[in-house]
C-alpha atoms as a PDB file:
ATOM      1  CA  MET A   1      -8.990  -0.082  17.415  1.00  0.00           C
ATOM      2  CA  PRO A   2      -5.583   0.069  15.718  1.00  0.00           C
ATOM      3  CA  ARG A   3      -2.882   1.483  17.987  1.00  0.00           C
ATOM      4  CA  LYS A   4       0.374   3.313  17.327  1.00  0.00           C
ATOM      5  CA  ASP A   5       3.079   0.894  16.077  1.00  0.00           C
ATOM      6  CA  ASP A   6       0.525  -1.770  15.028  1.00  0.00           C
ATOM      7  CA  TRP A   7       1.341  -3.394  11.684  1.00  0.00           C
ATOM      8  CA  GLY A   8      -1.122  -2.250   9.033  1.00  0.00           C
ATOM      9  CA  LEU A   9      -2.048  -2.523   5.375  1.00  0.00           C
ATOM     10  CA  VAL A  10      -3.147   0.755   3.776  1.00  0.00           C
ATOM     11  CA  HIS A  11      -5.193   0.845   0.556  1.00  0.00           C
ATOM     12  CA  ARG A  12      -5.724   3.909  -1.591  1.00  0.00           C
ATOM     13  CA  VAL A  13      -7.271   4.425  -5.033  1.00  0.00           C
ATOM     14  CA  VAL A  14      -4.774   6.639  -6.877  1.00  0.00           C
ATOM     15  CA  LEU A  15      -6.745   6.981 -10.141  1.00  0.00           C
ATOM     16  CA  ARG A  16     -10.357   6.068 -10.896  1.00  0.00           C
ATOM     17  CA  PRO A  17     -10.949   4.277 -14.244  1.00  0.00           C
ATOM     18  CA  GLU A  18     -12.164   7.468 -15.954  1.00  0.00           C
ATOM     19  CA  GLU A  19      -8.975   9.293 -14.891  1.00  0.00           C
ATOM     20  CA  ARG A  20      -6.582   6.770 -16.446  1.00  0.00           C
ATOM     21  CA  THR A  21      -4.677   7.469 -19.666  1.00  0.00           C
ATOM     22  CA  ALA A  22      -5.919   6.198 -23.021  1.00  0.00           C
ATOM     23  CA  ASN A  23      -2.507   4.657 -23.792  1.00  0.00           C
ATOM     24  CA  ILE A  24      -3.050   1.476 -21.778  1.00  0.00           C
ATOM     25  CA  PRO A  25      -4.834  -1.804 -22.636  1.00  0.00           C
ATOM     26  CA  GLU A  26      -8.666  -1.783 -22.528  1.00  0.00           C
ATOM     27  CA  GLU A  27      -8.780  -4.332 -19.689  1.00  0.00           C
ATOM     28  CA  THR A  28      -6.488  -2.137 -17.604  1.00  0.00           C
ATOM     29  CA  LYS A  29      -8.514   1.041 -18.294  1.00  0.00           C
ATOM     30  CA  LYS A  30     -11.616  -0.555 -16.741  1.00  0.00           C
ATOM     31  CA  VAL A  31     -10.156  -0.832 -13.228  1.00  0.00           C
ATOM     32  CA  PRO A  32      -8.836   1.774 -10.777  1.00  0.00           C
ATOM     33  CA  PHE A  33      -5.114   2.243 -10.223  1.00  0.00           C
ATOM     34  CA  GLU A  34      -4.603   1.188  -6.604  1.00  0.00           C
ATOM     35  CA  MET A  35      -1.818   1.483  -4.067  1.00  0.00           C
ATOM     36  CA  TRP A  36      -1.238  -0.956  -1.200  1.00  0.00           C
ATOM     37  CA  VAL A  37       1.338  -0.103   1.491  1.00  0.00           C
ATOM     38  CA  LYS A  38       2.365  -2.124   4.558  1.00  0.00           C
ATOM     39  CA  GLY A  39       3.920  -0.577   7.645  1.00  0.00           C
ATOM     40  CA  ARG A  40       3.564   0.486  11.268  1.00  0.00           C
ATOM     41  CA  LEU A  41       1.022   3.137  12.249  1.00  0.00           C
ATOM     42  CA  LYS A  42       2.440   6.487  13.404  1.00  0.00           C
ATOM     43  CA  SER A  43      -0.546   7.121  15.714  1.00  0.00           C
ATOM     44  CA  ASP A  44      -3.731   5.524  17.069  1.00  0.00           C
ATOM     45  CA  ALA A  45      -6.597   5.328  14.570  1.00  0.00           C
ATOM     46  CA  ASP A  46     -10.148   4.095  14.034  1.00  0.00           C
ATOM     47  CA  LEU A  47     -10.983   1.544  11.341  1.00  0.00           C
ATOM     48  CA  GLY A  48     -11.592   3.318   8.041  1.00  0.00           C
ATOM     49  CA  GLN A  49      -9.714   6.450   9.131  1.00  0.00           C
ATOM     50  CA  GLU A  50      -6.839   7.815   7.016  1.00  0.00           C
ATOM     51  CA  VAL A  51      -3.511   7.001   8.644  1.00  0.00           C
ATOM     52  CA  THR A  52       0.208   7.600   8.265  1.00  0.00           C
ATOM     53  CA  ILE A  53       2.617   4.684   8.332  1.00  0.00           C
END
């Protein structure tokens, strides 16, 4: 179980492929727009739970 102050990597899908703008290359439109953030957890968490870093 991740604990407060553990180093973590957070992944979030910001936009699904169907939500992306038409003004980008076709190859790019086919994949989700993702965000990856590294940092220390603000509180204890369970795997798969949303967290704040």
